């Protein structure tokens, strides 16, 4: 396993264990998986993670949150929490598959 694959596996494992926020973790995974070979990038687990990331890419994270209206941010945070809760099992399963794939 390369160091990059190890880093991806570590992030995926942290998401699966609930140690890393789903949205944050999936953003990290998608950006890192882009450089993997086509077989890995097209694996159903990676596609599931990428789909979730695409559906959540409008949620502000980190320093970007400072530029948002507080009321709108509260609304987006509720939406993010609800969507993450609905997707948690499938994303955690996909992360476990990704760990196994890279392992």
PDB file of N, CA and C in Angstrom:
ATOM      1  N   UNK A   1       0.849  -1.172   0.000  1.00  0.00           N
ATOM      2  CA  UNK A   1       0.000   0.000   0.000  1.00  0.00           C
ATOM      3  C   UNK A   1       0.897   1.238   0.000  1.00  0.00           C
ATOM      4  N   UNK A   2       0.604   2.172  -0.894  1.00  0.00           N
ATOM      5  CA  UNK A   2       1.371   3.416  -0.932  1.00  0.00           C
ATOM      6  C   UNK A   2       0.992   4.292   0.256  1.00  0.00           C
ATOM      7  N   UNK A   3       1.774   5.323   0.492  1.00  0.00           N
ATOM      8  CA  UNK A   3       1.465   6.240   1.592  1.00  0.00           C
ATOM      9  C   UNK A   3       0.138   6.953   1.345  1.00  0.00           C
ATOM     10  N   UNK A   4      -0.146   7.261   0.080  1.00  0.00           N
ATOM     11  CA  UNK A   4      -1.419   7.909  -0.240  1.00  0.00           C
ATOM     12  C   UNK A   4      -2.586   6.961   0.019  1.00  0.00           C
ATOM     13  N   UNK A   5      -2.445   5.709  -0.374  1.00  0.00           N
ATOM     14  CA  UNK A   5      -3.485   4.725  -0.113  1.00  0.00           C
ATOM     15  C   UNK A   5      -3.667   4.526   1.386  1.00  0.00           C
ATOM     16  N   UNK A   6      -2.587   4.534   2.114  1.00  0.00           N
ATOM     17  CA  UNK A   6      -2.649   4.406   3.569  1.00  0.00           C
ATOM     18  C   UNK A   6      -3.408   5.583   4.188  1.00  0.00           C
ATOM     19  N   UNK A   7      -3.132   6.779   3.688  1.00  0.00           N
ATOM     20  CA  UNK A   7      -3.825   7.968   4.180  1.00  0.00           C
ATOM     21  C   UNK A   7      -5.324   7.875   3.875  1.00  0.00           C
ATOM     22  N   UNK A   8      -5.659   7.446   2.666  1.00  0.00           N
ATOM     23  CA  UNK A   8      -7.073   7.291   2.279  1.00  0.00           C
ATOM     24  C   UNK A   8      -7.750   6.246   3.167  1.00  0.00           C
ATOM     25  N   UNK A   9      -7.083   5.127   3.375  1.00  0.00           N
ATOM     26  CA  UNK A   9      -7.640   4.069   4.224  1.00  0.00           C
ATOM     27  C   UNK A   9      -7.846   4.569   5.649  1.00  0.00           C
ATOM     28  N   UNK A  10      -6.915   5.359   6.147  1.00  0.00           N
ATOM     29  CA  UNK A  10      -7.033   5.904   7.499  1.00  0.00           C
ATOM     30  C   UNK A  10      -8.236   6.842   7.603  1.00  0.00           C
ATOM     31  N   UNK A  11      -8.402   7.712   6.643  1.00  0.00           N
ATOM     32  CA  UNK A  11      -9.544   8.635   6.651  1.00  0.00           C
ATOM     33  C   UNK A  11     -10.845   7.845   6.580  1.00  0.00           C
ATOM     34  N   UNK A  12     -10.904   6.882   5.668  1.00  0.00           N
ATOM     35  CA  UNK A  12     -12.112   6.075   5.519  1.00  0.00           C
ATOM     36  C   UNK A  12     -12.431   5.320   6.805  1.00  0.00           C
ATOM     37  N   UNK A  13     -11.419   4.782   7.455  1.00  0.00           N
ATOM     38  CA  UNK A  13     -11.634   4.063   8.715  1.00  0.00           C
ATOM     39  C   UNK A  13     -12.149   5.004   9.797  1.00  0.00           C
ATOM     40  N   UNK A  14     -11.626   6.206   9.846  1.00  0.00           N
ATOM     41  CA  UNK A  14     -12.084   7.192  10.835  1.00  0.00           C
ATOM     42  C   UNK A  14     -13.537   7.578  10.589  1.00  0.00           C
ATOM     43  N   UNK A  15     -13.918   7.730   9.326  1.00  0.00           N
ATOM     44  CA  UNK A  15     -15.319   8.024   9.007  1.00  0.00           C
ATOM     45  C   UNK A  15     -16.196   6.856   9.443  1.00  0.00           C
ATOM     46  N   UNK A  16     -15.792   5.645   9.107  1.00  0.00           N
ATOM     47  CA  UNK A  16     -16.578   4.449   9.431  1.00  0.00           C
ATOM     48  C   UNK A  16     -16.751   4.279  10.935  1.00  0.00           C
ATOM     49  N   UNK A  17     -15.750   4.666  11.704  1.00  0.00           N
ATOM     50  CA  UNK A  17     -15.829   4.548  13.169  1.00  0.00           C
ATOM     51  C   UNK A  17     -16.557   5.718  13.812  1.00  0.00           C
ATOM     52  N   UNK A  18     -16.926   6.714  13.025  1.00  0.00           N
ATOM     53  CA  UNK A  18     -17.621   7.876  13.570  1.00  0.00           C
ATOM     54  C   UNK A  18     -16.698   8.895  14.194  1.00  0.00           C
ATOM     55  N   UNK A  19     -15.417   8.799  13.911  1.00  0.00           N
ATOM     56  CA  UNK A  19     -14.430   9.725  14.467  1.00  0.00           C
ATOM     57  C   UNK A  19     -14.244  10.965  13.610  1.00  0.00           C
ATOM     58  N   UNK A  20     -14.774  10.933  12.401  1.00  0.00           N
ATOM     59  CA  UNK A  20     -14.636  12.045  11.471  1.00  0.00           C
ATOM     60  C   UNK A  20     -15.995  12.295  10.837  1.00  0.00           C
ATOM     61  N   UNK A  21     -16.409  13.530  10.823  1.00  0.00           N
ATOM     62  CA  UNK A  21     -17.685  13.927  10.241  1.00  0.00           C
ATOM     63  C   UNK A  21     -17.826  13.384   8.821  1.00  0.00           C
ATOM     64  N   UNK A  22     -19.023  12.928   8.473  1.00  0.00           N
ATOM     65  CA  UNK A  22     -19.238  12.342   7.148  1.00  0.00           C
ATOM     66  C   UNK A  22     -18.910  13.320   6.018  1.00  0.00           C
ATOM     67  N   UNK A  23     -19.406  14.537   6.117  1.00  0.00           N
ATOM     68  CA  UNK A  23     -19.187  15.508   5.040  1.00  0.00           C
ATOM     69  C   UNK A  23     -17.707  15.852   4.931  1.00  0.00           C
ATOM     70  N   UNK A  24     -17.089  16.131   6.043  1.00  0.00           N
ATOM     71  CA  UNK A  24     -15.658  16.462   6.054  1.00  0.00           C
ATOM     72  C   UNK A  24     -14.841  15.291   5.508  1.00  0.00           C
ATOM     73  N   UNK A  25     -15.116  14.101   6.025  1.00  0.00           N
ATOM     74  CA  UNK A  25     -14.373  12.920   5.608  1.00  0.00           C
ATOM     75  C   UNK A  25     -14.544  12.609   4.130  1.00  0.00           C
ATOM     76  N   UNK A  26     -15.767  12.704   3.637  1.00  0.00           N
ATOM     77  CA  UNK A  26     -15.995  12.403   2.218  1.00  0.00           C
ATOM     78  C   UNK A  26     -15.327  13.433   1.323  1.00  0.00           C
ATOM     79  N   UNK A  27     -15.307  14.684   1.729  1.00  0.00           N
ATOM     80  CA  UNK A  27     -14.579  15.690   0.942  1.00  0.00           C
ATOM     81  C   UNK A  27     -13.096  15.356   0.892  1.00  0.00           C
ATOM     82  N   UNK A  28     -12.564  14.949   2.017  1.00  0.00           N
ATOM     83  CA  UNK A  28     -11.147  14.570   2.061  1.00  0.00           C
ATOM     84  C   UNK A  28     -10.897  13.353   1.169  1.00  0.00           C
ATOM     85  N   UNK A  29     -11.786  12.379   1.234  1.00  0.00           N
ATOM     86  CA  UNK A  29     -11.602  11.157   0.447  1.00  0.00           C
ATOM     87  C   UNK A  29     -11.696  11.423  -1.044  1.00  0.00           C
ATOM     88  N   UNK A  30     -12.690  12.184  -1.461  1.00  0.00           N
ATOM     89  CA  UNK A  30     -12.873  12.442  -2.893  1.00  0.00           C
ATOM     90  C   UNK A  30     -11.660  13.160  -3.469  1.00  0.00           C
ATOM     91  N   UNK A  31     -11.150  14.132  -2.747  1.00  0.00           N
ATOM     92  CA  UNK A  31      -9.984  14.860  -3.276  1.00  0.00           C
ATOM     93  C   UNK A  31      -8.757  13.959  -3.375  1.00  0.00           C
ATOM     94  N   UNK A  32      -8.620  13.034  -2.461  1.00  0.00           N
ATOM     95  CA  UNK A  32      -7.461  12.142  -2.477  1.00  0.00           C
ATOM     96  C   UNK A  32      -7.633  10.967  -3.438  1.00  0.00           C
ATOM     97  N   UNK A  33      -8.842  10.479  -3.591  1.00  0.00           N
ATOM     98  CA  UNK A  33      -9.086   9.336  -4.482  1.00  0.00           C
ATOM     99  C   UNK A  33      -8.949   9.702  -5.955  1.00  0.00           C
ATOM    100  N   UNK A  34      -9.000  10.984  -6.267  1.00  0.00           N
ATOM    101  CA  UNK A  34      -8.918  11.413  -7.664  1.00  0.00           C
ATOM    102  C   UNK A  34      -7.623  10.955  -8.336  1.00  0.00           C
ATOM    103  N   UNK A  35      -6.577  10.766  -7.560  1.00  0.00           N
ATOM    104  CA  UNK A  35      -5.296  10.379  -8.146  1.00  0.00           C
ATOM    105  C   UNK A  35      -5.077   8.859  -8.177  1.00  0.00           C
ATOM    106  N   UNK A  36      -6.029   8.103  -7.683  1.00  0.00           N
ATOM    107  CA  UNK A  36      -5.892   6.645  -7.703  1.00  0.00           C
ATOM    108  C   UNK A  36      -6.201   6.100  -9.086  1.00  0.00           C
ATOM    109  N   UNK A  37      -5.833   4.847  -9.321  1.00  0.00           N
ATOM    110  CA  UNK A  37      -6.073   4.277 -10.638  1.00  0.00           C
ATOM    111  C   UNK A  37      -7.573   4.124 -10.905  1.00  0.00           C
ATOM    112  N   UNK A  38      -7.910   3.992 -12.176  1.00  0.00           N
ATOM    113  CA  UNK A  38      -9.293   3.967 -12.623  1.00  0.00           C
ATOM    114  C   UNK A  38     -10.098   2.852 -11.964  1.00  0.00           C
ATOM    115  N   UNK A  39      -9.509   1.708 -11.755  1.00  0.00           N
ATOM    116  CA  UNK A  39     -10.227   0.591 -11.144  1.00  0.00           C
ATOM    117  C   UNK A  39     -10.708   0.943  -9.745  1.00  0.00           C
ATOM    118  N   UNK A  40      -9.892   1.640  -8.992  1.00  0.00           N
ATOM    119  CA  UNK A  40     -10.292   2.043  -7.643  1.00  0.00           C
ATOM    120  C   UNK A  40     -11.302   3.186  -7.716  1.00  0.00           C
ATOM    121  N   UNK A  41     -11.038   4.179  -8.550  1.00  0.00           N
ATOM    122  CA  UNK A  41     -11.953   5.321  -8.669  1.00  0.00           C
ATOM    123  C   UNK A  41     -13.345   4.905  -9.112  1.00  0.00           C
ATOM    124  N   UNK A  42     -13.455   3.819  -9.883  1.00  0.00           N
ATOM    125  CA  UNK A  42     -14.761   3.391 -10.378  1.00  0.00           C
ATOM    126  C   UNK A  42     -15.397   2.308  -9.506  1.00  0.00           C
ATOM    127  N   UNK A  43     -14.756   1.966  -8.391  1.00  0.00           N
ATOM    128  CA  UNK A  43     -15.315   0.975  -7.469  1.00  0.00           C
ATOM    129  C   UNK A  43     -16.614   1.539  -6.860  1.00  0.00           C
ATOM    130  N   UNK A  44     -17.631   0.695  -6.675  1.00  0.00           N
ATOM    131  CA  UNK A  44     -18.904   1.177  -6.124  1.00  0.00           C
ATOM    132  C   UNK A  44     -18.774   1.926  -4.790  1.00  0.00           C
ATOM    133  N   UNK A  45     -17.853   1.517  -3.940  1.00  0.00           N
ATOM    134  CA  UNK A  45     -17.678   2.218  -2.663  1.00  0.00           C
ATOM    135  C   UNK A  45     -17.204   3.651  -2.884  1.00  0.00           C
ATOM    136  N   UNK A  46     -16.258   3.821  -3.794  1.00  0.00           N
ATOM    137  CA  UNK A  46     -15.751   5.165  -4.091  1.00  0.00           C
ATOM    138  C   UNK A  46     -16.841   6.002  -4.755  1.00  0.00           C
ATOM    139  N   UNK A  47     -17.628   5.393  -5.624  1.00  0.00           N
ATOM    140  CA  UNK A  47     -18.717   6.112  -6.277  1.00  0.00           C
ATOM    141  C   UNK A  47     -19.788   6.536  -5.271  1.00  0.00           C
ATOM    142  N   UNK A  48     -20.048   5.708  -4.281  1.00  0.00           N
ATOM    143  CA  UNK A  48     -21.006   6.062  -3.228  1.00  0.00           C
ATOM    144  C   UNK A  48     -20.501   7.264  -2.436  1.00  0.00           C
ATOM    145  N   UNK A  49     -19.232   7.230  -2.075  1.00  0.00           N
ATOM    146  CA  UNK A  49     -18.627   8.340  -1.332  1.00  0.00           C
ATOM    147  C   UNK A  49     -18.641   9.611  -2.175  1.00  0.00           C
ATOM    148  N   UNK A  50     -18.296   9.485  -3.445  1.00  0.00           N
ATOM    149  CA  UNK A  50     -18.288  10.651  -4.337  1.00  0.00           C
ATOM    150  C   UNK A  50     -19.693  11.211  -4.530  1.00  0.00           C
ATOM    151  N   UNK A  51     -20.681  10.343  -4.615  1.00  0.00           N
ATOM    152  CA  UNK A  51     -22.061  10.805  -4.754  1.00  0.00           C
ATOM    153  C   UNK A  51     -22.510  11.590  -3.535  1.00  0.00           C
ATOM    154  N   UNK A  52     -22.183  11.090  -2.351  1.00  0.00           N
ATOM    155  CA  UNK A  52     -22.527  11.802  -1.118  1.00  0.00           C
ATOM    156  C   UNK A  52     -21.824  13.153  -1.079  1.00  0.00           C
ATOM    157  N   UNK A  53     -20.555  13.157  -1.441  1.00  0.00           N
ATOM    158  CA  UNK A  53     -19.801  14.417  -1.441  1.00  0.00           C
ATOM    159  C   UNK A  53     -20.435  15.416  -2.399  1.00  0.00           C
ATOM    160  N   UNK A  54     -20.861  14.945  -3.548  1.00  0.00           N
ATOM    161  CA  UNK A  54     -21.499  15.825  -4.526  1.00  0.00           C
ATOM    162  C   UNK A  54     -22.806  16.406  -3.996  1.00  0.00           C
ATOM    163  N   UNK A  55     -23.554  15.588  -3.287  1.00  0.00           N
ATOM    164  CA  UNK A  55     -24.830  16.042  -2.723  1.00  0.00           C
ATOM    165  C   UNK A  55     -24.650  16.986  -1.535  1.00  0.00           C
ATOM    166  N   UNK A  56     -23.459  17.030  -0.971  1.00  0.00           N
ATOM    167  CA  UNK A  56     -23.217  17.861   0.215  1.00  0.00           C
ATOM    168  C   UNK A  56     -22.195  18.965  -0.018  1.00  0.00           C
ATOM    169  N   UNK A  57     -21.800  19.152  -1.263  1.00  0.00           N
ATOM    170  CA  UNK A  57     -20.725  20.123  -1.518  1.00  0.00           C
ATOM    171  C   UNK A  57     -21.146  21.573  -1.322  1.00  0.00           C
ATOM    172  N   UNK A  58     -22.432  21.814  -1.136  1.00  0.00           N
ATOM    173  CA  UNK A  58     -22.894  23.188  -0.920  1.00  0.00           C
ATOM    174  C   UNK A  58     -22.875  23.595   0.557  1.00  0.00           C
ATOM    175  N   UNK A  59     -22.583  22.643   1.439  1.00  0.00           N
ATOM    176  CA  UNK A  59     -22.531  22.970   2.859  1.00  0.00           C
ATOM    177  C   UNK A  59     -21.186  23.614   3.197  1.00  0.00           C
ATOM    178  N   UNK A  60     -21.213  24.809   3.777  1.00  0.00           N
ATOM    179  CA  UNK A  60     -19.958  25.479   4.111  1.00  0.00           C
ATOM    180  C   UNK A  60     -19.276  24.820   5.304  1.00  0.00           C
ATOM    181  N   UNK A  61     -17.967  24.674   5.191  1.00  0.00           N
ATOM    182  CA  UNK A  61     -17.148  24.093   6.259  1.00  0.00           C
ATOM    183  C   UNK A  61     -15.977  25.018   6.552  1.00  0.00           C
ATOM    184  N   UNK A  62     -15.413  24.864   7.717  1.00  0.00           N
ATOM    185  CA  UNK A  62     -14.201  25.593   8.068  1.00  0.00           C
ATOM    186  C   UNK A  62     -14.368  27.101   8.045  1.00  0.00           C
ATOM    187  N   UNK A  63     -13.339  27.775   7.586  1.00  0.00           N
ATOM    188  CA  UNK A  63     -13.311  29.243   7.575  1.00  0.00           C
ATOM    189  C   UNK A  63     -14.402  29.841   6.694  1.00  0.00           C
ATOM    190  N   UNK A  64     -14.873  29.096   5.699  1.00  0.00           N
ATOM    191  CA  UNK A  64     -15.933  29.603   4.822  1.00  0.00           C
ATOM    192  C   UNK A  64     -17.200  29.918   5.608  1.00  0.00           C
ATOM    193  N   UNK A  65     -17.391  29.249   6.732  1.00  0.00           N
ATOM    194  CA  UNK A  65     -18.582  29.479   7.545  1.00  0.00           C
ATOM    195  C   UNK A  65     -18.640  30.907   8.081  1.00  0.00           C
ATOM    196  N   UNK A  66     -17.493  31.544   8.237  1.00  0.00           N
ATOM    197  CA  UNK A  66     -17.436  32.905   8.771  1.00  0.00           C
ATOM    198  C   UNK A  66     -18.104  33.921   7.844  1.00  0.00           C
ATOM    199  N   UNK A  67     -18.249  33.576   6.591  1.00  0.00           N
ATOM    200  CA  UNK A  67     -18.807  34.504   5.603  1.00  0.00           C
ATOM    201  C   UNK A  67     -20.310  34.320   5.408  1.00  0.00           C
ATOM    202  N   UNK A  68     -20.924  33.427   6.157  1.00  0.00           N
ATOM    203  CA  UNK A  68     -22.338  33.126   5.988  1.00  0.00           C
ATOM    204  C   UNK A  68     -23.189  33.830   7.043  1.00  0.00           C
ATOM    205  N   UNK A  69     -24.409  34.154   6.658  1.00  0.00           N
ATOM    206  CA  UNK A  69     -25.405  34.682   7.570  1.00  0.00           C
ATOM    207  C   UNK A  69     -25.738  33.602   8.605  1.00  0.00           C
ATOM    208  N   UNK A  70     -25.812  33.993   9.873  1.00  0.00           N
ATOM    209  CA  UNK A  70     -26.006  33.024  10.959  1.00  0.00           C
ATOM    210  C   UNK A  70     -27.306  32.233  10.804  1.00  0.00           C
ATOM    211  N   UNK A  71     -28.381  32.899  10.407  1.00  0.00           N
ATOM    212  CA  UNK A  71     -29.669  32.205  10.255  1.00  0.00           C
ATOM    213  C   UNK A  71     -29.592  31.178   9.124  1.00  0.00           C
ATOM    214  N   UNK A  72     -28.983  31.550   8.021  1.00  0.00           N
ATOM    215  CA  UNK A  72     -28.847  30.620   6.891  1.00  0.00           C
ATOM    216  C   UNK A  72     -27.920  29.473   7.260  1.00  0.00           C
ATOM    217  N   UNK A  73     -26.884  29.758   7.997  1.00  0.00           N
ATOM    218  CA  UNK A  73     -25.949  28.731   8.440  1.00  0.00           C
ATOM    219  C   UNK A  73     -26.657  27.712   9.338  1.00  0.00           C
ATOM    220  N   UNK A  74     -27.515  28.192  10.239  1.00  0.00           N
ATOM    221  CA  UNK A  74     -28.292  27.282  11.092  1.00  0.00           C
ATOM    222  C   UNK A  74     -29.169  26.365  10.250  1.00  0.00           C
ATOM    223  N   UNK A  75     -29.793  26.939   9.239  1.00  0.00           N
ATOM    224  CA  UNK A  75     -30.652  26.170   8.333  1.00  0.00           C
ATOM    225  C   UNK A  75     -29.844  25.093   7.596  1.00  0.00           C
ATOM    226  N   UNK A  76     -28.708  25.491   7.074  1.00  0.00           N
ATOM    227  CA  UNK A  76     -27.848  24.541   6.358  1.00  0.00           C
ATOM    228  C   UNK A  76     -27.294  23.464   7.294  1.00  0.00           C
ATOM    229  N   UNK A  77     -26.981  23.836   8.515  1.00  0.00           N
ATOM    230  CA  UNK A  77     -26.478  22.861   9.481  1.00  0.00           C
ATOM    231  C   UNK A  77     -27.541  21.807   9.793  1.00  0.00           C
ATOM    232  N   UNK A  78     -28.799  22.227   9.927  1.00  0.00           N
ATOM    233  CA  UNK A  78     -29.882  21.265  10.160  1.00  0.00           C
ATOM    234  C   UNK A  78     -30.037  20.338   8.966  1.00  0.00           C
ATOM    235  N   UNK A  79     -30.005  20.924   7.765  1.00  0.00           N
ATOM    236  CA  UNK A  79     -30.127  20.127   6.538  1.00  0.00           C
ATOM    237  C   UNK A  79     -28.968  19.124   6.429  1.00  0.00           C
ATOM    238  N   UNK A  80     -27.793  19.578   6.728  1.00  0.00           N
ATOM    239  CA  UNK A  80     -26.605  18.712   6.675  1.00  0.00           C
ATOM    240  C   UNK A  80     -26.726  17.563   7.669  1.00  0.00           C
ATOM    241  N   UNK A  81     -27.153  17.858   8.889  1.00  0.00           N
ATOM    242  CA  UNK A  81     -27.292  16.827   9.916  1.00  0.00           C
ATOM    243  C   UNK A  81     -28.348  15.796   9.520  1.00  0.00           C
ATOM    244  N   UNK A  82     -29.465  16.253   8.981  1.00  0.00           N
ATOM    245  CA  UNK A  82     -30.529  15.340   8.570  1.00  0.00           C
ATOM    246  C   UNK A  82     -30.074  14.441   7.420  1.00  0.00           C
ATOM    247  N   UNK A  83     -29.436  15.032   6.430  1.00  0.00           N
ATOM    248  CA  UNK A  83     -28.980  14.249   5.283  1.00  0.00           C
ATOM    249  C   UNK A  83     -27.886  13.260   5.696  1.00  0.00           C
ATOM    250  N   UNK A  84     -26.974  13.720   6.529  1.00  0.00           N
ATOM    251  CA  UNK A  84     -25.905  12.840   7.009  1.00  0.00           C
ATOM    252  C   UNK A  84     -26.474  11.660   7.789  1.00  0.00           C
ATOM    253  N   UNK A  85     -27.482  11.913   8.602  1.00  0.00           N
ATOM    254  CA  UNK A  85     -28.097  10.833   9.381  1.00  0.00           C
ATOM    255  C   UNK A  85     -28.741   9.795   8.461  1.00  0.00           C
ATOM    256  N   UNK A  86     -29.394  10.263   7.404  1.00  0.00           N
ATOM    257  CA  UNK A  86     -30.029   9.338   6.455  1.00  0.00           C
ATOM    258  C   UNK A  86     -29.007   8.500   5.701  1.00  0.00           C
ATOM    259  N   UNK A  87     -27.833   9.052   5.462  1.00  0.00           N
ATOM    260  CA  UNK A  87     -26.822   8.377   4.648  1.00  0.00           C
ATOM    261  C   UNK A  87     -25.741   7.678   5.460  1.00  0.00           C
ATOM    262  N   UNK A  88     -25.768   7.817   6.759  1.00  0.00           N
ATOM    263  CA  UNK A  88     -24.659   7.351   7.594  1.00  0.00           C
ATOM    264  C   UNK A  88     -24.318   5.884   7.372  1.00  0.00           C
ATOM    265  N   UNK A  89     -25.304   5.011   7.371  1.00  0.00           N
ATOM    266  CA  UNK A  89     -25.014   3.585   7.244  1.00  0.00           C
ATOM    267  C   UNK A  89     -24.361   3.279   5.900  1.00  0.00           C
ATOM    268  N   UNK A  90     -24.919   3.822   4.818  1.00  0.00           N
ATOM    269  CA  UNK A  90     -24.359   3.512   3.497  1.00  0.00           C
ATOM    270  C   UNK A  90     -22.962   4.102   3.324  1.00  0.00           C
ATOM    271  N   UNK A  91     -22.720   5.278   3.876  1.00  0.00           N
ATOM    272  CA  UNK A  91     -21.392   5.886   3.763  1.00  0.00           C
ATOM    273  C   UNK A  91     -20.384   5.130   4.623  1.00  0.00           C
ATOM    274  N   UNK A  92     -20.768   4.757   5.821  1.00  0.00           N
ATOM    275  CA  UNK A  92     -19.853   3.989   6.674  1.00  0.00           C
ATOM    276  C   UNK A  92     -19.538   2.632   6.054  1.00  0.00           C
ATOM    277  N   UNK A  93     -20.541   1.988   5.461  1.00  0.00           N
ATOM    278  CA  UNK A  93     -20.307   0.724   4.764  1.00  0.00           C
ATOM    279  C   UNK A  93     -19.346   0.920   3.595  1.00  0.00           C
ATOM    280  N   UNK A  94     -19.553   1.998   2.823  1.00  0.00           N
ATOM    281  CA  UNK A  94     -18.676   2.275   1.686  1.00  0.00           C
ATOM    282  C   UNK A  94     -17.253   2.552   2.161  1.00  0.00           C
ATOM    283  N   UNK A  95     -17.110   3.234   3.268  1.00  0.00           N
ATOM    284  CA  UNK A  95     -15.780   3.511   3.815  1.00  0.00           C
ATOM    285  C   UNK A  95     -15.093   2.214   4.253  1.00  0.00           C
ATOM    286  N   UNK A  96     -15.846   1.309   4.864  1.00  0.00           N
ATOM    287  CA  UNK A  96     -15.266   0.022   5.251  1.00  0.00           C
ATOM    288  C   UNK A  96     -14.840  -0.769   4.021  1.00  0.00           C
ATOM    289  N   UNK A  97     -15.640  -0.720   2.964  1.00  0.00           N
ATOM    290  CA  UNK A  97     -15.268  -1.389   1.705  1.00  0.00           C
ATOM    291  C   UNK A  97     -13.995  -0.786   1.125  1.00  0.00           C
ATOM    292  N   UNK A  98     -13.900   0.541   1.197  1.00  0.00           N
ATOM    293  CA  UNK A  98     -12.711   1.211   0.671  1.00  0.00           C
ATOM    294  C   UNK A  98     -11.465   0.797   1.451  1.00  0.00           C
ATOM    295  N   UNK A  99     -11.574   0.696   2.751  1.00  0.00           N
ATOM    296  CA  UNK A  99     -10.446   0.235   3.566  1.00  0.00           C
ATOM    297  C   UNK A  99     -10.027  -1.167   3.142  1.00  0.00           C
ATOM    298  N   UNK A 100     -11.010  -2.053   2.966  1.00  0.00           N
ATOM    299  CA  UNK A 100     -10.713  -3.421   2.545  1.00  0.00           C
ATOM    300  C   UNK A 100     -10.092  -3.453   1.149  1.00  0.00           C
ATOM    301  N   UNK A 101     -10.587  -2.611   0.260  1.00  0.00           N
ATOM    302  CA  UNK A 101     -10.073  -2.545  -1.101  1.00  0.00           C
ATOM    303  C   UNK A 101      -8.608  -2.112  -1.130  1.00  0.00           C
ATOM    304  N   UNK A 102      -8.286  -1.149  -0.301  1.00  0.00           N
ATOM    305  CA  UNK A 102      -6.921  -0.619  -0.290  1.00  0.00           C
ATOM    306  C   UNK A 102      -5.982  -1.434   0.582  1.00  0.00           C
ATOM    307  N   UNK A 103      -6.565  -2.199   1.527  1.00  0.00           N
ATOM    308  CA  UNK A 103      -5.790  -2.931   2.502  1.00  0.00           C
ATOM    309  C   UNK A 103      -4.930  -3.976   1.931  1.00  0.00           C
TER     310      UNK A 103
END
